[in-house]
PDB file of N, CA and C in Angstrom:
ATOM      1  N   UNK A   1     -50.022  12.676  36.362  1.00  0.00           N
ATOM      2  CA  UNK A   1     -49.564  11.995  35.184  1.00  0.00           C
ATOM      3  C   UNK A   1     -48.791  10.754  35.662  1.00  0.00           C
ATOM      4  N   UNK A   2     -49.370   9.503  34.974  1.00  0.00           N
ATOM      5  CA  UNK A   2     -48.620   8.286  35.183  1.00  0.00           C
ATOM      6  C   UNK A   2     -47.628   8.051  34.265  1.00  0.00           C
ATOM      7  N   UNK A   3     -46.553   7.347  34.652  1.00  0.00           N
ATOM      8  CA  UNK A   3     -45.482   7.000  33.783  1.00  0.00           C
ATOM      9  C   UNK A   3     -45.149   5.664  33.853  1.00  0.00           C
ATOM     10  N   UNK A   4     -44.754   4.944  32.869  1.00  0.00           N
ATOM     11  CA  UNK A   4     -44.245   3.629  32.708  1.00  0.00           C
ATOM     12  C   UNK A   4     -42.984   3.490  32.020  1.00  0.00           C
ATOM     13  N   UNK A   5     -42.168   2.478  32.371  1.00  0.00           N
ATOM     14  CA  UNK A   5     -40.921   2.182  31.680  1.00  0.00           C
ATOM     15  C   UNK A   5     -40.603   0.786  31.585  1.00  0.00           C
ATOM     16  N   UNK A   6     -39.954   0.339  30.576  1.00  0.00           N
ATOM     17  CA  UNK A   6     -39.280  -1.072  30.566  1.00  0.00           C
ATOM     18  C   UNK A   6     -38.112  -1.131  31.534  1.00  0.00           C
ATOM     19  N   UNK A   7     -38.277  -1.672  32.668  1.00  0.00           N
ATOM     20  CA  UNK A   7     -37.124  -1.587  33.605  1.00  0.00           C
ATOM     21  C   UNK A   7     -35.813  -2.162  33.234  1.00  0.00           C
ATOM     22  N   UNK A   8     -35.956  -3.403  32.438  1.00  0.00           N
ATOM     23  CA  UNK A   8     -34.687  -4.104  32.213  1.00  0.00           C
ATOM     24  C   UNK A   8     -33.936  -3.601  30.971  1.00  0.00           C
ATOM     25  N   UNK A   9     -34.583  -2.541  30.269  1.00  0.00           N
ATOM     26  CA  UNK A   9     -33.798  -1.976  29.143  1.00  0.00           C
ATOM     27  C   UNK A   9     -32.525  -1.335  29.446  1.00  0.00           C
ATOM     28  N   UNK A  10     -32.382  -0.637  30.594  1.00  0.00           N
ATOM     29  CA  UNK A  10     -31.283   0.060  31.190  1.00  0.00           C
ATOM     30  C   UNK A  10     -30.121  -0.815  31.536  1.00  0.00           C
ATOM     31  N   UNK A  11     -30.301  -2.231  31.787  1.00  0.00           N
ATOM     32  CA  UNK A  11     -29.259  -3.189  32.125  1.00  0.00           C
ATOM     33  C   UNK A  11     -28.875  -4.103  30.967  1.00  0.00           C
ATOM     34  N   UNK A  12     -29.465  -4.049  29.821  1.00  0.00           N
ATOM     35  CA  UNK A  12     -29.136  -4.779  28.758  1.00  0.00           C
ATOM     36  C   UNK A  12     -27.587  -5.158  28.579  1.00  0.00           C
ATOM     37  N   UNK A  13     -27.208  -6.379  28.682  1.00  0.00           N
ATOM     38  CA  UNK A  13     -25.887  -6.732  28.356  1.00  0.00           C
ATOM     39  C   UNK A  13     -24.907  -6.544  29.591  1.00  0.00           C
ATOM     40  N   UNK A  14     -25.421  -6.073  30.810  1.00  0.00           N
ATOM     41  CA  UNK A  14     -24.638  -5.897  31.929  1.00  0.00           C
ATOM     42  C   UNK A  14     -24.824  -7.219  32.768  1.00  0.00           C
ATOM     43  N   UNK A  15     -23.668  -7.407  33.620  1.00  0.00           N
ATOM     44  CA  UNK A  15     -23.808  -8.445  34.598  1.00  0.00           C
ATOM     45  C   UNK A  15     -24.457  -8.037  35.809  1.00  0.00           C
ATOM     46  N   UNK A  16     -25.101  -8.932  36.539  1.00  0.00           N
ATOM     47  CA  UNK A  16     -25.821  -8.664  37.697  1.00  0.00           C
ATOM     48  C   UNK A  16     -27.044  -7.730  37.435  1.00  0.00           C
ATOM     49  N   UNK A  17     -27.728  -7.977  36.368  1.00  0.00           N
ATOM     50  CA  UNK A  17     -28.803  -7.057  35.890  1.00  0.00           C
ATOM     51  C   UNK A  17     -29.894  -6.762  36.877  1.00  0.00           C
ATOM     52  N   UNK A  18     -30.354  -7.894  37.753  1.00  0.00           N
ATOM     53  CA  UNK A  18     -31.379  -7.727  38.679  1.00  0.00           C
ATOM     54  C   UNK A  18     -31.105  -6.617  39.768  1.00  0.00           C
ATOM     55  N   UNK A  19     -29.839  -6.565  40.156  1.00  0.00           N
ATOM     56  CA  UNK A  19     -29.343  -5.606  41.129  1.00  0.00           C
ATOM     57  C   UNK A  19     -29.508  -4.314  40.509  1.00  0.00           C
ATOM     58  N   UNK A  20     -28.958  -4.072  39.350  1.00  0.00           N
ATOM     59  CA  UNK A  20     -29.057  -2.695  38.520  1.00  0.00           C
ATOM     60  C   UNK A  20     -30.590  -2.370  38.506  1.00  0.00           C
ATOM     61  N   UNK A  21     -31.283  -3.168  37.998  1.00  0.00           N
ATOM     62  CA  UNK A  21     -32.752  -2.951  37.873  1.00  0.00           C
ATOM     63  C   UNK A  21     -33.322  -2.555  39.128  1.00  0.00           C
ATOM     64  N   UNK A  22     -33.188  -3.280  40.360  1.00  0.00           N
ATOM     65  CA  UNK A  22     -33.762  -2.867  41.446  1.00  0.00           C
ATOM     66  C   UNK A  22     -33.255  -1.391  41.886  1.00  0.00           C
ATOM     67  N   UNK A  23     -32.202  -1.184  41.752  1.00  0.00           N
ATOM     68  CA  UNK A  23     -31.836   0.285  42.144  1.00  0.00           C
ATOM     69  C   UNK A  23     -32.280   1.331  41.232  1.00  0.00           C
ATOM     70  N   UNK A  24     -32.350   1.050  39.996  1.00  0.00           N
ATOM     71  CA  UNK A  24     -33.133   1.944  38.903  1.00  0.00           C
ATOM     72  C   UNK A  24     -34.565   2.036  39.279  1.00  0.00           C
ATOM     73  N   UNK A  25     -35.181   0.968  39.616  1.00  0.00           N
ATOM     74  CA  UNK A  25     -36.635   1.104  39.946  1.00  0.00           C
ATOM     75  C   UNK A  25     -36.871   1.987  41.147  1.00  0.00           C
ATOM     76  N   UNK A  26     -35.998   1.841  42.197  1.00  0.00           N
ATOM     77  CA  UNK A  26     -36.183   2.627  43.301  1.00  0.00           C
ATOM     78  C   UNK A  26     -35.884   4.102  42.933  1.00  0.00           C
ATOM     79  N   UNK A  27     -34.995   4.426  42.210  1.00  0.00           N
ATOM     80  CA  UNK A  27     -34.628   5.912  41.742  1.00  0.00           C
ATOM     81  C   UNK A  27     -35.796   6.442  40.832  1.00  0.00           C
ATOM     82  N   UNK A  28     -36.253   5.489  40.011  1.00  0.00           N
ATOM     83  CA  UNK A  28     -37.341   6.100  39.036  1.00  0.00           C
ATOM     84  C   UNK A  28     -38.529   6.303  39.821  1.00  0.00           C
ATOM     85  N   UNK A  29     -38.967   5.464  40.775  1.00  0.00           N
ATOM     86  CA  UNK A  29     -39.971   5.761  41.635  1.00  0.00           C
ATOM     87  C   UNK A  29     -39.922   6.923  42.559  1.00  0.00           C
ATOM     88  N   UNK A  30     -38.592   7.422  42.962  1.00  0.00           N
ATOM     89  CA  UNK A  30     -38.581   8.654  43.631  1.00  0.00           C
ATOM     90  C   UNK A  30     -38.610   9.786  42.754  1.00  0.00           C
ATOM     91  N   UNK A  31     -38.409   9.551  41.461  1.00  0.00           N
ATOM     92  CA  UNK A  31     -38.568  10.768  40.504  1.00  0.00           C
ATOM     93  C   UNK A  31     -39.957  10.770  39.909  1.00  0.00           C
ATOM     94  N   UNK A  32     -40.805   9.886  40.320  1.00  0.00           N
ATOM     95  CA  UNK A  32     -42.222   9.987  39.826  1.00  0.00           C
ATOM     96  C   UNK A  32     -42.725   8.896  39.109  1.00  0.00           C
ATOM     97  N   UNK A  33     -42.022   7.918  38.721  1.00  0.00           N
ATOM     98  CA  UNK A  33     -42.513   6.756  37.910  1.00  0.00           C
ATOM     99  C   UNK A  33     -43.562   5.997  38.734  1.00  0.00           C
ATOM    100  N   UNK A  34     -44.762   5.669  38.131  1.00  0.00           N
ATOM    101  CA  UNK A  34     -45.850   5.084  38.695  1.00  0.00           C
ATOM    102  C   UNK A  34     -45.954   3.450  38.340  1.00  0.00           C
ATOM    103  N   UNK A  35     -45.271   2.970  37.287  1.00  0.00           N
ATOM    104  CA  UNK A  35     -45.419   1.650  36.846  1.00  0.00           C
ATOM    105  C   UNK A  35     -44.281   1.287  36.143  1.00  0.00           C
ATOM    106  N   UNK A  36     -44.090  -0.145  36.116  1.00  0.00           N
ATOM    107  CA  UNK A  36     -42.757  -0.427  35.392  1.00  0.00           C
ATOM    108  C   UNK A  36     -43.188  -1.853  34.727  1.00  0.00           C
ATOM    109  N   UNK A  37     -42.485  -2.030  33.446  1.00  0.00           N
ATOM    110  CA  UNK A  37     -42.777  -3.338  32.867  1.00  0.00           C
ATOM    111  C   UNK A  37     -41.585  -4.169  33.280  1.00  0.00           C
ATOM    112  N   UNK A  38     -41.772  -5.110  33.959  1.00  0.00           N
ATOM    113  CA  UNK A  38     -40.777  -6.005  34.615  1.00  0.00           C
ATOM    114  C   UNK A  38     -41.268  -7.443  34.839  1.00  0.00           C
ATOM    115  N   UNK A  39     -40.362  -8.274  35.152  1.00  0.00           N
ATOM    116  CA  UNK A  39     -40.721  -9.612  35.546  1.00  0.00           C
ATOM    117  C   UNK A  39     -41.023  -9.663  37.095  1.00  0.00           C
ATOM    118  N   UNK A  40     -42.132 -10.029  37.578  1.00  0.00           N
ATOM    119  CA  UNK A  40     -42.469  -9.985  38.988  1.00  0.00           C
ATOM    120  C   UNK A  40     -42.055 -11.203  39.576  1.00  0.00           C
ATOM    121  N   UNK A  41     -41.171 -12.127  39.044  1.00  0.00           N
ATOM    122  CA  UNK A  41     -40.633 -13.170  39.726  1.00  0.00           C
ATOM    123  C   UNK A  41     -39.157 -12.947  40.175  1.00  0.00           C
ATOM    124  N   UNK A  42     -38.735 -11.846  39.886  1.00  0.00           N
ATOM    125  CA  UNK A  42     -37.318 -11.467  40.223  1.00  0.00           C
ATOM    126  C   UNK A  42     -37.625 -10.783  41.637  1.00  0.00           C
ATOM    127  N   UNK A  43     -37.127 -11.640  42.750  1.00  0.00           N
ATOM    128  CA  UNK A  43     -37.242 -11.002  43.949  1.00  0.00           C
ATOM    129  C   UNK A  43     -36.485  -9.828  44.445  1.00  0.00           C
ATOM    130  N   UNK A  44     -35.244  -9.729  43.692  1.00  0.00           N
ATOM    131  CA  UNK A  44     -34.371  -8.712  44.120  1.00  0.00           C
ATOM    132  C   UNK A  44     -35.109  -7.329  43.524  1.00  0.00           C
ATOM    133  N   UNK A  45     -35.614  -7.390  42.381  1.00  0.00           N
ATOM    134  CA  UNK A  45     -36.262  -6.219  41.932  1.00  0.00           C
ATOM    135  C   UNK A  45     -37.464  -5.808  42.753  1.00  0.00           C
ATOM    136  N   UNK A  46     -38.263  -6.776  43.045  1.00  0.00           N
ATOM    137  CA  UNK A  46     -39.398  -6.476  43.969  1.00  0.00           C
ATOM    138  C   UNK A  46     -38.941  -5.859  45.380  1.00  0.00           C
ATOM    139  N   UNK A  47     -37.889  -6.436  45.778  1.00  0.00           N
ATOM    140  CA  UNK A  47     -37.318  -5.775  47.038  1.00  0.00           C
ATOM    141  C   UNK A  47     -36.910  -4.419  46.920  1.00  0.00           C
ATOM    142  N   UNK A  48     -36.480  -4.024  45.809  1.00  0.00           N
ATOM    143  CA  UNK A  48     -36.213  -2.513  45.456  1.00  0.00           C
ATOM    144  C   UNK A  48     -37.430  -1.756  45.424  1.00  0.00           C
ATOM    145  N   UNK A  49     -38.473  -2.216  44.785  1.00  0.00           N
ATOM    146  CA  UNK A  49     -39.707  -1.468  44.852  1.00  0.00           C
ATOM    147  C   UNK A  49     -40.249  -1.423  46.292  1.00  0.00           C
ATOM    148  N   UNK A  50     -40.351  -2.453  47.043  1.00  0.00           N
ATOM    149  CA  UNK A  50     -40.838  -2.481  48.453  1.00  0.00           C
ATOM    150  C   UNK A  50     -40.028  -1.492  49.341  1.00  0.00           C
ATOM    151  N   UNK A  51     -38.592  -1.261  49.204  1.00  0.00           N
ATOM    152  CA  UNK A  51     -37.968  -0.460  49.817  1.00  0.00           C
ATOM    153  C   UNK A  51     -38.171   0.946  49.359  1.00  0.00           C
ATOM    154  N   UNK A  52     -38.432   1.232  48.078  1.00  0.00           N
ATOM    155  CA  UNK A  52     -38.715   2.503  47.840  1.00  0.00           C
ATOM    156  C   UNK A  52     -40.057   3.060  48.292  1.00  0.00           C
ATOM    157  N   UNK A  53     -41.034   2.175  48.454  1.00  0.00           N
ATOM    158  CA  UNK A  53     -42.314   2.356  48.822  1.00  0.00           C
ATOM    159  C   UNK A  53     -42.157   2.786  50.473  1.00  0.00           C
ATOM    160  N   UNK A  54     -41.316   2.035  51.080  1.00  0.00           N
ATOM    161  CA  UNK A  54     -41.186   2.526  52.436  1.00  0.00           C
ATOM    162  C   UNK A  54     -40.391   3.875  52.626  1.00  0.00           C
ATOM    163  N   UNK A  55     -39.496   4.154  51.860  1.00  0.00           N
ATOM    164  CA  UNK A  55     -38.515   5.284  51.901  1.00  0.00           C
ATOM    165  C   UNK A  55     -39.461   6.504  51.375  1.00  0.00           C
ATOM    166  N   UNK A  56     -40.250   6.252  50.477  1.00  0.00           N
ATOM    167  CA  UNK A  56     -41.059   7.318  49.947  1.00  0.00           C
ATOM    168  C   UNK A  56     -42.497   7.535  50.652  1.00  0.00           C
ATOM    169  N   UNK A  57     -42.752   6.827  51.764  1.00  0.00           N
ATOM    170  CA  UNK A  57     -43.926   6.963  52.578  1.00  0.00           C
ATOM    171  C   UNK A  57     -45.168   6.514  51.941  1.00  0.00           C
ATOM    172  N   UNK A  58     -44.927   5.353  51.040  1.00  0.00           N
ATOM    173  CA  UNK A  58     -46.102   4.900  50.276  1.00  0.00           C
ATOM    174  C   UNK A  58     -46.573   3.615  50.847  1.00  0.00           C
ATOM    175  N   UNK A  59     -45.737   2.936  51.888  1.00  0.00           N
ATOM    176  CA  UNK A  59     -45.998   1.788  52.586  1.00  0.00           C
ATOM    177  C   UNK A  59     -46.350   2.278  54.069  1.00  0.00           C
ATOM    178  N   UNK A  60     -47.615   2.617  54.332  1.00  0.00           N
ATOM    179  CA  UNK A  60     -47.830   3.311  55.724  1.00  0.00           C
ATOM    180  C   UNK A  60     -47.448   2.292  56.773  1.00  0.00           C
ATOM    181  N   UNK A  61     -46.855   2.907  57.710  1.00  0.00           N
ATOM    182  CA  UNK A  61     -46.191   2.157  58.961  1.00  0.00           C
ATOM    183  C   UNK A  61     -45.281   1.057  58.537  1.00  0.00           C
ATOM    184  N   UNK A  62     -44.920   0.823  57.224  1.00  0.00           N
ATOM    185  CA  UNK A  62     -43.896  -0.147  56.909  1.00  0.00           C
ATOM    186  C   UNK A  62     -44.720  -1.582  56.939  1.00  0.00           C
ATOM    187  N   UNK A  63     -45.831  -1.578  56.928  1.00  0.00           N
ATOM    188  CA  UNK A  63     -46.653  -2.785  57.140  1.00  0.00           C
ATOM    189  C   UNK A  63     -46.352  -3.951  56.030  1.00  0.00           C
ATOM    190  N   UNK A  64     -46.356  -3.620  54.790  1.00  0.00           N
ATOM    191  CA  UNK A  64     -46.032  -4.448  53.825  1.00  0.00           C
ATOM    192  C   UNK A  64     -44.560  -5.069  54.041  1.00  0.00           C
ATOM    193  N   UNK A  65     -43.571  -4.047  54.194  1.00  0.00           N
ATOM    194  CA  UNK A  65     -42.254  -4.483  54.460  1.00  0.00           C
ATOM    195  C   UNK A  65     -42.039  -5.419  55.564  1.00  0.00           C
ATOM    196  N   UNK A  66     -42.671  -5.176  56.654  1.00  0.00           N
ATOM    197  CA  UNK A  66     -42.568  -5.940  57.838  1.00  0.00           C
ATOM    198  C   UNK A  66     -43.218  -7.168  57.677  1.00  0.00           C
ATOM    199  N   UNK A  67     -44.428  -7.188  57.030  1.00  0.00           N
ATOM    200  CA  UNK A  67     -45.128  -8.489  56.658  1.00  0.00           C
ATOM    201  C   UNK A  67     -44.238  -9.603  55.880  1.00  0.00           C
ATOM    202  N   UNK A  68     -43.532  -8.838  54.945  1.00  0.00           N
ATOM    203  CA  UNK A  68     -42.635  -9.569  53.985  1.00  0.00           C
ATOM    204  C   UNK A  68     -41.490 -10.161  54.780  1.00  0.00           C
ATOM    205  N   UNK A  69     -40.730  -9.243  55.361  1.00  0.00           N
ATOM    206  CA  UNK A  69     -39.368  -9.596  55.919  1.00  0.00           C
ATOM    207  C   UNK A  69     -39.191  -9.799  57.354  1.00  0.00           C
ATOM    208  N   UNK A  70     -40.167  -9.614  58.153  1.00  0.00           N
ATOM    209  CA  UNK A  70     -39.994  -9.967  59.683  1.00  0.00           C
ATOM    210  C   UNK A  70     -39.675 -11.451  59.823  1.00  0.00           C
ATOM    211  N   UNK A  71     -38.583 -11.671  60.671  1.00  0.00           N
ATOM    212  CA  UNK A  71     -38.306 -13.012  61.096  1.00  0.00           C
ATOM    213  C   UNK A  71     -39.366 -13.606  61.886  1.00  0.00           C
ATOM    214  N   UNK A  72     -39.819 -14.952  61.576  1.00  0.00           N
ATOM    215  CA  UNK A  72     -40.743 -15.570  62.478  1.00  0.00           C
ATOM    216  C   UNK A  72     -40.342 -15.655  63.880  1.00  0.00           C
ATOM    217  N   UNK A  73     -41.293 -15.647  64.844  1.00  0.00           N
ATOM    218  CA  UNK A  73     -41.149 -15.821  66.278  1.00  0.00           C
ATOM    219  C   UNK A  73     -40.527 -17.232  66.435  1.00  0.00           C
ATOM    220  N   UNK A  74     -39.546 -17.431  67.446  1.00  0.00           N
ATOM    221  CA  UNK A  74     -39.227 -18.779  67.728  1.00  0.00           C
ATOM    222  C   UNK A  74     -40.413 -19.614  68.183  1.00  0.00           C
ATOM    223  N   UNK A  75     -40.246 -20.878  67.880  1.00  0.00           N
ATOM    224  CA  UNK A  75     -41.341 -21.764  68.261  1.00  0.00           C
ATOM    225  C   UNK A  75     -41.601 -21.715  69.695  1.00  0.00           C
ATOM    226  N   UNK A  76     -42.842 -21.742  70.181  1.00  0.00           N
ATOM    227  CA  UNK A  76     -43.216 -21.825  71.614  1.00  0.00           C
ATOM    228  C   UNK A  76     -43.437 -20.342  72.141  1.00  0.00           C
ATOM    229  N   UNK A  77     -43.262 -19.307  71.226  1.00  0.00           N
ATOM    230  CA  UNK A  77     -43.518 -17.922  71.886  1.00  0.00           C
ATOM    231  C   UNK A  77     -44.651 -17.673  71.043  1.00  0.00           C
ATOM    232  N   UNK A  78     -45.521 -16.702  71.652  1.00  0.00           N
ATOM    233  CA  UNK A  78     -46.803 -16.255  71.094  1.00  0.00           C
ATOM    234  C   UNK A  78     -46.384 -15.101  69.925  1.00  0.00           C
ATOM    235  N   UNK A  79     -45.510 -14.457  70.321  1.00  0.00           N
ATOM    236  CA  UNK A  79     -44.983 -13.308  69.300  1.00  0.00           C
ATOM    237  C   UNK A  79     -43.511 -12.844  69.722  1.00  0.00           C
ATOM    238  N   UNK A  80     -43.141 -11.878  68.949  1.00  0.00           N
ATOM    239  CA  UNK A  80     -41.806 -11.318  69.164  1.00  0.00           C
ATOM    240  C   UNK A  80     -41.589 -10.913  70.650  1.00  0.00           C
ATOM    241  N   UNK A  81     -42.457 -10.441  71.264  1.00  0.00           N
ATOM    242  CA  UNK A  81     -42.462  -9.991  72.593  1.00  0.00           C
ATOM    243  C   UNK A  81     -42.603 -10.978  73.646  1.00  0.00           C
ATOM    244  N   UNK A  82     -43.058 -12.055  73.382  1.00  0.00           N
ATOM    245  CA  UNK A  82     -43.209 -13.274  74.268  1.00  0.00           C
ATOM    246  C   UNK A  82     -44.060 -12.931  75.379  1.00  0.00           C
ATOM    247  N   UNK A  83     -43.481 -13.097  76.610  1.00  0.00           N
ATOM    248  CA  UNK A  83     -44.469 -13.053  77.825  1.00  0.00           C
ATOM    249  C   UNK A  83     -44.550 -11.612  78.086  1.00  0.00           C
ATOM    250  N   UNK A  84     -43.859 -10.614  77.742  1.00  0.00           N
ATOM    251  CA  UNK A  84     -44.004  -9.259  78.051  1.00  0.00           C
ATOM    252  C   UNK A  84     -45.253  -8.708  77.416  1.00  0.00           C
ATOM    253  N   UNK A  85     -45.869  -9.337  76.481  1.00  0.00           N
ATOM    254  CA  UNK A  85     -47.016  -8.709  75.801  1.00  0.00           C
ATOM    255  C   UNK A  85     -48.370  -8.470  76.810  1.00  0.00           C
ATOM    256  N   UNK A  86     -48.389  -9.252  77.768  1.00  0.00           N
ATOM    257  CA  UNK A  86     -49.518  -8.869  78.736  1.00  0.00           C
ATOM    258  C   UNK A  86     -49.195  -7.902  79.814  1.00  0.00           C
ATOM    259  N   UNK A  87     -47.927  -7.590  80.080  1.00  0.00           N
ATOM    260  CA  UNK A  87     -47.774  -6.523  81.035  1.00  0.00           C
ATOM    261  C   UNK A  87     -47.808  -5.111  80.612  1.00  0.00           C
ATOM    262  N   UNK A  88     -48.274  -4.209  81.333  1.00  0.00           N
ATOM    263  CA  UNK A  88     -48.418  -2.937  81.050  1.00  0.00           C
ATOM    264  C   UNK A  88     -47.635  -1.918  81.849  1.00  0.00           C
ATOM    265  N   UNK A  89     -47.169  -0.889  81.273  1.00  0.00           N
ATOM    266  CA  UNK A  89     -46.352   0.054  82.021  1.00  0.00           C
ATOM    267  C   UNK A  89     -47.398   0.972  82.788  1.00  0.00           C
ATOM    268  N   UNK A  90     -46.745   1.375  83.911  1.00  0.00           N
ATOM    269  CA  UNK A  90     -47.494   2.221  84.641  1.00  0.00           C
ATOM    270  C   UNK A  90     -47.192   3.718  84.502  1.00  0.00           C
ATOM    271  N   UNK A  91     -48.271   4.710  84.543  1.00  0.00           N
ATOM    272  CA  UNK A  91     -48.044   5.890  84.135  1.00  0.00           C
ATOM    273  C   UNK A  91     -47.473   6.737  85.199  1.00  0.00           C
TER     274      UNK A  91
END
């Protein structure tokens, strides 16, 4: 059964609404909510959804989370591992 809710209804009239909505969305996802009516331009709320996807094993290998939040490699390096990328460990 799919469930939908209006995410911002719970925070009406409260200060820092986006933080409240983000935490509510994560909790609701853990309880089985499958979709929400929300503003996709609020990054804090989207971060809450991404975090719940990781914690509920819906983001396989955390690929979406890493793709969104990983720090870029310093200029001049091929990747985060730098020159170690080509070395292999011996068995």
